[in-house]
PDB file of N, CA and C in Angstrom:
ATOM      1  N   MET A   1       8.750   2.397   4.128  1.00  0.00           N
ATOM      2  CA  MET A   1       9.644   2.956   3.060  1.00  0.00           C
ATOM      3  C   MET A   1      10.199   1.676   2.328  1.00  0.00           C
ATOM      4  N   ASN A   2      10.425   1.968   1.023  1.00  0.00           N
ATOM      5  CA  ASN A   2      10.930   0.967   0.189  1.00  0.00           C
ATOM      6  C   ASN A   2      12.110   1.591  -0.445  1.00  0.00           C
ATOM      7  N   TYR A   3      13.344   0.958  -0.326  1.00  0.00           N
ATOM      8  CA  TYR A   3      14.573   1.466  -1.095  1.00  0.00           C
ATOM      9  C   TYR A   3      14.815   0.576  -2.268  1.00  0.00           C
ATOM     10  N   PHE A   4      14.917   1.053  -3.419  1.00  0.00           N
ATOM     11  CA  PHE A   4      15.232   0.329  -4.647  1.00  0.00           C
ATOM     12  C   PHE A   4      16.703   0.836  -5.142  1.00  0.00           C
ATOM     13  N   GLY A   5      17.613  -0.104  -5.102  1.00  0.00           N
ATOM     14  CA  GLY A   5      18.982   0.404  -5.543  1.00  0.00           C
ATOM     15  C   GLY A   5      19.013   0.474  -7.095  1.00  0.00           C
ATOM     16  N   GLU A   6      20.126   0.796  -7.522  1.00  0.00           N
ATOM     17  CA  GLU A   6      20.403   0.897  -9.057  1.00  0.00           C
ATOM     18  C   GLU A   6      19.957  -0.381  -9.698  1.00  0.00           C
ATOM     19  N   TYR A   7      19.328  -0.330 -10.869  1.00  0.00           N
ATOM     20  CA  TYR A   7      18.967  -1.526 -11.600  1.00  0.00           C
ATOM     21  C   TYR A   7      19.226  -1.286 -13.174  1.00  0.00           C
ATOM     22  N   PHE A   8      19.316  -2.453 -13.835  1.00  0.00           N
ATOM     23  CA  PHE A   8      19.508  -2.410 -15.313  1.00  0.00           C
ATOM     24  C   PHE A   8      18.112  -2.065 -15.874  1.00  0.00           C
ATOM     25  N   ALA A   9      17.945  -0.906 -16.602  1.00  0.00           N
ATOM     26  CA  ALA A   9      16.766  -0.547 -17.199  1.00  0.00           C
ATOM     27  C   ALA A   9      16.789  -0.938 -18.640  1.00  0.00           C
ATOM     28  N   THR A  10      15.717  -1.574 -19.097  1.00  0.00           N
ATOM     29  CA  THR A  10      15.564  -1.927 -20.572  1.00  0.00           C
ATOM     30  C   THR A  10      14.173  -1.782 -20.996  1.00  0.00           C
ATOM     31  N   HIS A  11      13.904  -1.766 -22.308  1.00  0.00           N
ATOM     32  CA  HIS A  11      12.568  -1.712 -22.815  1.00  0.00           C
ATOM     33  C   HIS A  11      12.346  -2.819 -23.745  1.00  0.00           C
ATOM     34  N   ALA A  12      11.224  -3.554 -23.683  1.00  0.00           N
ATOM     35  CA  ALA A  12      10.930  -4.683 -24.573  1.00  0.00           C
ATOM     36  C   ALA A  12      11.030  -4.368 -26.068  1.00  0.00           C
ATOM     37  N   ASP A  13      10.663  -3.168 -26.443  1.00  0.00           N
ATOM     38  CA  ASP A  13      10.662  -2.832 -27.887  1.00  0.00           C
ATOM     39  C   ASP A  13      12.008  -2.361 -28.387  1.00  0.00           C
ATOM     40  N   ASP A  14      13.082  -2.369 -27.567  1.00  0.00           N
ATOM     41  CA  ASP A  14      14.406  -2.013 -28.001  1.00  0.00           C
ATOM     42  C   ASP A  14      14.953  -3.261 -28.820  1.00  0.00           C
ATOM     43  N   THR A  15      14.830  -3.149 -30.062  1.00  0.00           N
ATOM     44  CA  THR A  15      15.321  -4.210 -30.986  1.00  0.00           C
ATOM     45  C   THR A  15      16.713  -4.032 -31.509  1.00  0.00           C
ATOM     46  N   CYS A  16      17.442  -3.020 -31.022  1.00  0.00           N
ATOM     47  CA  CYS A  16      18.907  -2.785 -31.376  1.00  0.00           C
ATOM     48  C   CYS A  16      19.667  -3.973 -30.853  1.00  0.00           C
ATOM     49  N   ALA A  17      20.486  -4.543 -31.672  1.00  0.00           N
ATOM     50  CA  ALA A  17      21.334  -5.675 -31.271  1.00  0.00           C
ATOM     51  C   ALA A  17      22.233  -5.491 -30.041  1.00  0.00           C
ATOM     52  N   ILE A  18      22.626  -4.219 -29.776  1.00  0.00           N
ATOM     53  CA  ILE A  18      23.456  -3.932 -28.623  1.00  0.00           C
ATOM     54  C   ILE A  18      22.586  -3.220 -27.542  1.00  0.00           C
ATOM     55  N   GLY A  19      21.314  -3.239 -27.653  1.00  0.00           N
ATOM     56  CA  GLY A  19      20.466  -2.591 -26.570  1.00  0.00           C
ATOM     57  C   GLY A  19      20.717  -1.059 -26.511  1.00  0.00           C
ATOM     58  N   CYS A  20      20.428  -0.290 -27.576  1.00  0.00           N
ATOM     59  CA  CYS A  20      20.795   1.087 -27.706  1.00  0.00           C
ATOM     60  C   CYS A  20      20.284   1.920 -26.598  1.00  0.00           C
ATOM     61  N   TRP A  21      19.082   1.494 -25.944  1.00  0.00           N
ATOM     62  CA  TRP A  21      18.385   2.423 -24.961  1.00  0.00           C
ATOM     63  C   TRP A  21      18.567   1.828 -23.542  1.00  0.00           C
ATOM     64  N   ASN A  22      19.396   0.836 -23.290  1.00  0.00           N
ATOM     65  CA  ASN A  22      19.596   0.333 -22.005  1.00  0.00           C
ATOM     66  C   ASN A  22      20.522   1.258 -21.242  1.00  0.00           C
ATOM     67  N   GLU A  23      20.262   1.202 -19.906  1.00  0.00           N
ATOM     68  CA  GLU A  23      21.123   2.072 -18.960  1.00  0.00           C
ATOM     69  C   GLU A  23      20.989   1.495 -17.562  1.00  0.00           C
ATOM     70  N   ILE A  24      21.869   1.976 -16.687  1.00  0.00           N
ATOM     71  CA  ILE A  24      21.761   1.695 -15.329  1.00  0.00           C
ATOM     72  C   ILE A  24      20.876   2.912 -14.682  1.00  0.00           C
ATOM     73  N   ALA A  25      19.753   2.523 -14.092  1.00  0.00           N
ATOM     74  CA  ALA A  25      18.835   3.508 -13.555  1.00  0.00           C
ATOM     75  C   ALA A  25      19.209   3.863 -12.192  1.00  0.00           C
ATOM     76  N   ASP A  26      18.813   5.039 -11.743  1.00  0.00           N
ATOM     77  CA  ASP A  26      19.145   5.497 -10.414  1.00  0.00           C
ATOM     78  C   ASP A  26      18.347   4.850  -9.391  1.00  0.00           C
ATOM     79  N   SER A  27      18.933   4.848  -8.176  1.00  0.00           N
ATOM     80  CA  SER A  27      18.141   4.262  -7.016  1.00  0.00           C
ATOM     81  C   SER A  27      17.023   5.160  -6.630  1.00  0.00           C
ATOM     82  N   ALA A  28      16.005   4.677  -5.873  1.00  0.00           N
ATOM     83  CA  ALA A  28      14.895   5.521  -5.505  1.00  0.00           C
ATOM     84  C   ALA A  28      14.315   4.999  -4.217  1.00  0.00           C
ATOM     85  N   ILE A  29      13.537   5.854  -3.600  1.00  0.00           N
ATOM     86  CA  ILE A  29      12.743   5.410  -2.383  1.00  0.00           C
ATOM     87  C   ILE A  29      11.337   5.725  -2.587  1.00  0.00           C
ATOM     88  N   THR A  30      10.495   4.800  -2.234  1.00  0.00           N
ATOM     89  CA  THR A  30       9.056   5.078  -2.213  1.00  0.00           C
ATOM     90  C   THR A  30       8.521   4.898  -0.810  1.00  0.00           C
ATOM     91  N   VAL A  31       7.410   5.501  -0.521  1.00  0.00           N
ATOM     92  CA  VAL A  31       6.823   5.414   0.745  1.00  0.00           C
ATOM     93  C   VAL A  31       5.375   5.005   0.674  1.00  0.00           C
ATOM     94  N   ASP A  32       5.003   3.967   1.394  1.00  0.00           N
ATOM     95  CA  ASP A  32       3.627   3.464   1.440  1.00  0.00           C
ATOM     96  C   ASP A  32       3.062   3.842   2.876  1.00  0.00           C
ATOM     97  N   ALA A  33       1.795   4.176   2.969  1.00  0.00           N
ATOM     98  CA  ALA A  33       1.169   4.556   4.287  1.00  0.00           C
ATOM     99  C   ALA A  33      -0.274   4.262   4.203  1.00  0.00           C
ATOM    100  N   GLU A  34      -0.772   3.918   5.464  1.00  0.00           N
ATOM    101  CA  GLU A  34      -2.248   3.719   5.604  1.00  0.00           C
ATOM    102  C   GLU A  34      -2.610   4.014   7.040  1.00  0.00           C
ATOM    103  N   VAL A  35      -3.700   4.722   7.187  1.00  0.00           N
ATOM    104  CA  VAL A  35      -4.218   5.047   8.508  1.00  0.00           C
ATOM    105  C   VAL A  35      -5.708   4.497   8.553  1.00  0.00           C
ATOM    106  N   SER A  36      -6.051   3.940   9.728  1.00  0.00           N
ATOM    107  CA  SER A  36      -7.287   3.311   9.953  1.00  0.00           C
ATOM    108  C   SER A  36      -8.010   3.860  11.109  1.00  0.00           C
ATOM    109  N   TYR A  37      -9.313   3.875  11.061  1.00  0.00           N
ATOM    110  CA  TYR A  37     -10.158   4.322  12.220  1.00  0.00           C
ATOM    111  C   TYR A  37     -11.139   3.180  12.410  1.00  0.00           C
ATOM    112  N   PHE A  38     -11.133   2.605  13.670  1.00  0.00           N
ATOM    113  CA  PHE A  38     -11.996   1.505  13.989  1.00  0.00           C
ATOM    114  C   PHE A  38     -13.298   2.090  14.509  1.00  0.00           C
ATOM    115  N   LEU A  39     -14.356   2.159  13.678  1.00  0.00           N
ATOM    116  CA  LEU A  39     -15.577   2.759  13.995  1.00  0.00           C
ATOM    117  C   LEU A  39     -16.253   2.003  15.093  1.00  0.00           C
ATOM    118  N   ASN A  40     -16.238   0.613  15.024  1.00  0.00           N
ATOM    119  CA  ASN A  40     -16.762  -0.237  16.062  1.00  0.00           C
ATOM    120  C   ASN A  40     -16.113  -1.577  15.883  1.00  0.00           C
ATOM    121  N   ASP A  41     -16.607  -2.659  16.529  1.00  0.00           N
ATOM    122  CA  ASP A  41     -15.942  -4.027  16.433  1.00  0.00           C
ATOM    123  C   ASP A  41     -16.025  -4.589  15.021  1.00  0.00           C
ATOM    124  N   SER A  42     -16.953  -4.112  14.195  1.00  0.00           N
ATOM    125  CA  SER A  42     -17.173  -4.742  12.823  1.00  0.00           C
ATOM    126  C   SER A  42     -16.700  -3.797  11.695  1.00  0.00           C
ATOM    127  N   ILE A  43     -16.669  -2.502  11.897  1.00  0.00           N
ATOM    128  CA  ILE A  43     -16.322  -1.662  10.734  1.00  0.00           C
ATOM    129  C   ILE A  43     -14.994  -0.841  11.022  1.00  0.00           C
ATOM    130  N   THR A  44     -14.237  -0.902  10.006  1.00  0.00           N
ATOM    131  CA  THR A  44     -12.997  -0.192   9.920  1.00  0.00           C
ATOM    132  C   THR A  44     -13.005   0.730   8.607  1.00  0.00           C
ATOM    133  N   LEU A  45     -12.610   1.982   8.838  1.00  0.00           N
ATOM    134  CA  LEU A  45     -12.400   2.880   7.722  1.00  0.00           C
ATOM    135  C   LEU A  45     -10.940   3.159   7.555  1.00  0.00           C
ATOM    136  N   SER A  46     -10.532   3.180   6.276  1.00  0.00           N
ATOM    137  CA  SER A  46      -8.989   3.293   6.030  1.00  0.00           C
ATOM    138  C   SER A  46      -8.832   4.232   4.880  1.00  0.00           C
ATOM    139  N   ALA A  47      -7.676   4.938   4.832  1.00  0.00           N
ATOM    140  CA  ALA A  47      -7.190   5.718   3.739  1.00  0.00           C
ATOM    141  C   ALA A  47      -5.741   5.515   3.639  1.00  0.00           C
ATOM    142  N   GLY A  48      -5.207   5.320   2.407  1.00  0.00           N
ATOM    143  CA  GLY A  48      -3.782   5.138   2.283  1.00  0.00           C
ATOM    144  C   GLY A  48      -3.261   5.412   0.909  1.00  0.00           C
ATOM    145  N   ALA A  49      -1.887   5.066   0.737  1.00  0.00           N
ATOM    146  CA  ALA A  49      -1.309   5.334  -0.517  1.00  0.00           C
ATOM    147  C   ALA A  49      -0.135   4.436  -0.723  1.00  0.00           C
ATOM    148  N   ASN A  50       0.102   4.015  -1.931  1.00  0.00           N
ATOM    149  CA  ASN A  50       1.309   3.360  -2.328  1.00  0.00           C
ATOM    150  C   ASN A  50       2.025   4.346  -3.150  1.00  0.00           C
ATOM    151  N   ASN A  51       3.289   4.457  -2.901  1.00  0.00           N
ATOM    152  CA  ASN A  51       4.143   5.532  -3.535  1.00  0.00           C
ATOM    153  C   ASN A  51       3.540   6.951  -3.199  1.00  0.00           C
ATOM    154  N   LEU A  52       3.424   7.187  -1.981  1.00  0.00           N
ATOM    155  CA  LEU A  52       2.748   8.399  -1.408  1.00  0.00           C
ATOM    156  C   LEU A  52       3.261   9.660  -2.010  1.00  0.00           C
ATOM    157  N   PHE A  53       4.596   9.793  -2.264  1.00  0.00           N
ATOM    158  CA  PHE A  53       5.145  11.060  -2.792  1.00  0.00           C
ATOM    159  C   PHE A  53       5.383  11.014  -4.254  1.00  0.00           C
ATOM    160  N   ASP A  54       4.681  10.108  -4.960  1.00  0.00           N
ATOM    161  CA  ASP A  54       4.609  10.006  -6.399  1.00  0.00           C
ATOM    162  C   ASP A  54       5.995  10.011  -7.037  1.00  0.00           C
ATOM    163  N   GLN A  55       6.887   9.133  -6.541  1.00  0.00           N
ATOM    164  CA  GLN A  55       8.220   8.937  -7.090  1.00  0.00           C
ATOM    165  C   GLN A  55       8.116   8.466  -8.545  1.00  0.00           C
ATOM    166  N   GLU A  56       8.713   9.189  -9.467  1.00  0.00           N
ATOM    167  CA  GLU A  56       8.590   8.928 -10.847  1.00  0.00           C
ATOM    168  C   GLU A  56       9.611   7.790 -11.240  1.00  0.00           C
ATOM    169  N   ALA A  57       9.190   6.936 -12.126  1.00  0.00           N
ATOM    170  CA  ALA A  57      10.083   5.883 -12.676  1.00  0.00           C
ATOM    171  C   ALA A  57      11.078   6.472 -13.625  1.00  0.00           C
ATOM    172  N   GLN A  58      12.166   5.691 -13.840  1.00  0.00           N
ATOM    173  CA  GLN A  58      13.211   6.210 -14.760  1.00  0.00           C
ATOM    174  C   GLN A  58      12.630   6.399 -16.161  1.00  0.00           C
ATOM    175  N   LYS A  59      12.923   7.596 -16.761  1.00  0.00           N
ATOM    176  CA  LYS A  59      12.449   7.902 -18.052  1.00  0.00           C
ATOM    177  C   LYS A  59      13.448   7.454 -19.150  1.00  0.00           C
ATOM    178  N   LEU A  60      12.945   7.160 -20.266  1.00  0.00           N
ATOM    179  CA  LEU A  60      13.840   6.894 -21.445  1.00  0.00           C
ATOM    180  C   LEU A  60      14.375   8.175 -21.919  1.00  0.00           C
ATOM    181  N   PRO A  61      15.568   8.178 -22.685  1.00  0.00           N
ATOM    182  CA  PRO A  61      16.057   9.368 -23.274  1.00  0.00           C
ATOM    183  C   PRO A  61      15.007   9.878 -24.309  1.00  0.00           C
ATOM    184  N   GLU A  62      14.839  11.187 -24.419  1.00  0.00           N
ATOM    185  CA  GLU A  62      13.850  11.743 -25.285  1.00  0.00           C
ATOM    186  C   GLU A  62      13.927  11.331 -26.767  1.00  0.00           C
ATOM    187  N   GLU A  63      15.176  11.084 -27.252  1.00  0.00           N
ATOM    188  CA  GLU A  63      15.311  10.704 -28.620  1.00  0.00           C
ATOM    189  C   GLU A  63      14.770   9.325 -28.947  1.00  0.00           C
ATOM    190  N   SER A  64      14.489   8.605 -27.858  1.00  0.00           N
ATOM    191  CA  SER A  64      13.926   7.228 -28.106  1.00  0.00           C
ATOM    192  C   SER A  64      12.395   7.162 -28.229  1.00  0.00           C
ATOM    193  N   TYR A  65      11.702   8.268 -27.754  1.00  0.00           N
ATOM    194  CA  TYR A  65      10.218   8.240 -27.768  1.00  0.00           C
ATOM    195  C   TYR A  65       9.640   7.801 -29.074  1.00  0.00           C
ATOM    196  N   GLY A  66      10.127   8.305 -30.196  1.00  0.00           N
ATOM    197  CA  GLY A  66       9.495   7.940 -31.392  1.00  0.00           C
ATOM    198  C   GLY A  66       9.934   6.529 -31.971  1.00  0.00           C
ATOM    199  N   VAL A  67      10.983   6.032 -31.466  1.00  0.00           N
ATOM    200  CA  VAL A  67      11.447   4.632 -31.757  1.00  0.00           C
ATOM    201  C   VAL A  67      10.660   3.610 -30.935  1.00  0.00           C
ATOM    202  N   LEU A  68      10.637   3.813 -29.588  1.00  0.00           N
ATOM    203  CA  LEU A  68      10.067   2.887 -28.699  1.00  0.00           C
ATOM    204  C   LEU A  68       8.613   3.094 -28.376  1.00  0.00           C
ATOM    205  N   GLY A  69       8.116   4.253 -28.627  1.00  0.00           N
ATOM    206  CA  GLY A  69       6.660   4.507 -28.337  1.00  0.00           C
ATOM    207  C   GLY A  69       6.377   4.594 -26.883  1.00  0.00           C
ATOM    208  N   ALA A  70       7.286   5.005 -25.990  1.00  0.00           N
ATOM    209  CA  ALA A  70       7.022   5.025 -24.605  1.00  0.00           C
ATOM    210  C   ALA A  70       7.981   6.211 -24.034  1.00  0.00           C
ATOM    211  N   GLN A  71       7.626   6.489 -22.763  1.00  0.00           N
ATOM    212  CA  GLN A  71       8.442   7.455 -21.971  1.00  0.00           C
ATOM    213  C   GLN A  71       9.285   6.852 -20.905  1.00  0.00           C
ATOM    214  N   TYR A  72       8.864   5.629 -20.456  1.00  0.00           N
ATOM    215  CA  TYR A  72       9.461   4.978 -19.279  1.00  0.00           C
ATOM    216  C   TYR A  72       9.984   3.597 -19.611  1.00  0.00           C
ATOM    217  N   TYR A  73      10.987   3.209 -18.871  1.00  0.00           N
ATOM    218  CA  TYR A  73      11.499   1.804 -18.985  1.00  0.00           C
ATOM    219  C   TYR A  73      10.412   0.895 -18.365  1.00  0.00           C
ATOM    220  N   GLU A  74      10.335  -0.292 -18.991  1.00  0.00           N
ATOM    221  CA  GLU A  74       9.328  -1.285 -18.413  1.00  0.00           C
ATOM    222  C   GLU A  74       9.904  -2.179 -17.311  1.00  0.00           C
ATOM    223  N   SER A  75      11.169  -2.137 -17.087  1.00  0.00           N
ATOM    224  CA  SER A  75      11.791  -2.991 -16.192  1.00  0.00           C
ATOM    225  C   SER A  75      12.046  -2.448 -14.719  1.00  0.00           C
ATOM    226  N   GLY A  76      11.303  -1.332 -14.468  1.00  0.00           N
ATOM    227  CA  GLY A  76      11.661  -0.766 -13.198  1.00  0.00           C
ATOM    228  C   GLY A  76      11.012  -1.439 -12.018  1.00  0.00           C
ATOM    229  N   PRO A  77      11.488  -1.281 -10.821  1.00  0.00           N
ATOM    230  CA  PRO A  77      10.964  -1.920  -9.581  1.00  0.00           C
ATOM    231  C   PRO A  77       9.604  -1.440  -9.124  1.00  0.00           C
ATOM    232  N   PHE A  78       9.222  -0.168  -9.501  1.00  0.00           N
ATOM    233  CA  PHE A  78       7.940   0.366  -9.135  1.00  0.00           C
ATOM    234  C   PHE A  78       7.354   0.964 -10.411  1.00  0.00           C
ATOM    235  N   ASP A  79       6.010   1.056 -10.342  1.00  0.00           N
ATOM    236  CA  ASP A  79       5.255   1.357 -11.433  1.00  0.00           C
ATOM    237  C   ASP A  79       5.410   2.763 -12.021  1.00  0.00           C
ATOM    238  N   TYR A  80       5.360   2.969 -13.313  1.00  0.00           N
ATOM    239  CA  TYR A  80       5.542   4.339 -13.864  1.00  0.00           C
ATOM    240  C   TYR A  80       4.256   5.119 -13.900  1.00  0.00           C
ATOM    241  N   ASN A  81       3.182   4.530 -13.365  1.00  0.00           N
ATOM    242  CA  ASN A  81       1.900   5.306 -13.159  1.00  0.00           C
ATOM    243  C   ASN A  81       1.965   6.274 -11.880  1.00  0.00           C
ATOM    244  N   GLY A  82       3.009   6.086 -11.089  1.00  0.00           N
ATOM    245  CA  GLY A  82       3.140   6.992 -10.020  1.00  0.00           C
ATOM    246  C   GLY A  82       2.355   6.475  -8.748  1.00  0.00           C
ATOM    247  N   GLY A  83       1.864   7.434  -7.950  1.00  0.00           N
ATOM    248  CA  GLY A  83       1.221   7.055  -6.741  1.00  0.00           C
ATOM    249  C   GLY A  83      -0.123   6.504  -6.860  1.00  0.00           C
ATOM    250  N   PHE A  84      -0.562   5.724  -5.943  1.00  0.00           N
ATOM    251  CA  PHE A  84      -1.845   4.994  -5.941  1.00  0.00           C
ATOM    252  C   PHE A  84      -2.533   5.376  -4.593  1.00  0.00           C
ATOM    253  N   TYR A  85      -3.625   5.985  -4.611  1.00  0.00           N
ATOM    254  CA  TYR A  85      -4.303   6.435  -3.354  1.00  0.00           C
ATOM    255  C   TYR A  85      -5.580   5.826  -3.305  1.00  0.00           C
ATOM    256  N   TYR A  86      -6.068   5.549  -2.062  1.00  0.00           N
ATOM    257  CA  TYR A  86      -7.316   4.815  -1.874  1.00  0.00           C
ATOM    258  C   TYR A  86      -7.961   5.054  -0.469  1.00  0.00           C
ATOM    259  N   VAL A  87      -9.234   4.834  -0.503  1.00  0.00           N
ATOM    260  CA  VAL A  87     -10.027   4.829   0.773  1.00  0.00           C
ATOM    261  C   VAL A  87     -10.820   3.419   0.739  1.00  0.00           C
ATOM    262  N   LYS A  88     -11.012   2.867   1.932  1.00  0.00           N
ATOM    263  CA  LYS A  88     -11.707   1.608   1.954  1.00  0.00           C
ATOM    264  C   LYS A  88     -12.507   1.406   3.297  1.00  0.00           C
ATOM    265  N   ALA A  89     -13.478   0.659   3.202  1.00  0.00           N
ATOM    266  CA  ALA A  89     -14.212   0.295   4.413  1.00  0.00           C
ATOM    267  C   ALA A  89     -14.251  -1.194   4.493  1.00  0.00           C
ATOM    268  N   THR A  90     -13.983  -1.675   5.700  1.00  0.00           N
ATOM    269  CA  THR A  90     -13.922  -3.124   6.045  1.00  0.00           C
ATOM    270  C   THR A  90     -15.004  -3.532   6.992  1.00  0.00           C
ATOM    271  N   TYR A  91     -15.817  -4.503   6.675  1.00  0.00           N
ATOM    272  CA  TYR A  91     -16.811  -5.026   7.562  1.00  0.00           C
ATOM    273  C   TYR A  91     -16.406  -6.465   7.997  1.00  0.00           C
ATOM    274  N   ASN A  92     -16.215  -6.752   9.252  1.00  0.00           N
ATOM    275  CA  ASN A  92     -15.915  -8.047   9.723  1.00  0.00           C
ATOM    276  C   ASN A  92     -17.197  -8.603  10.466  1.00  0.00           C
ATOM    277  N   PHE A  93     -17.585  -9.802  10.047  1.00  0.00           N
ATOM    278  CA  PHE A  93     -18.775 -10.393  10.741  1.00  0.00           C
ATOM    279  C   PHE A  93     -18.465 -11.764  11.282  1.00  0.00           C
TER     280      PHE A  93
END
């Protein structure tokens, strides 16, 4: 589990002299997990996820979409693309 406390959210395209779209973003928790099965001494099969429950990043106010051309702040501690899921095979020789 990863806990991210409140943070100062800003967007690079906010050219307003006083930072019109800046705000203090809410805290959030993300969960990463991986399970592995050891097929034999050489091969391991795994499946996992980063941000398992697809915690969404802080969104910009709707009135800024046309000005900034985005929905999410760029300065968040986790990615605005949401969860990342994978499977992998590892061979050790």
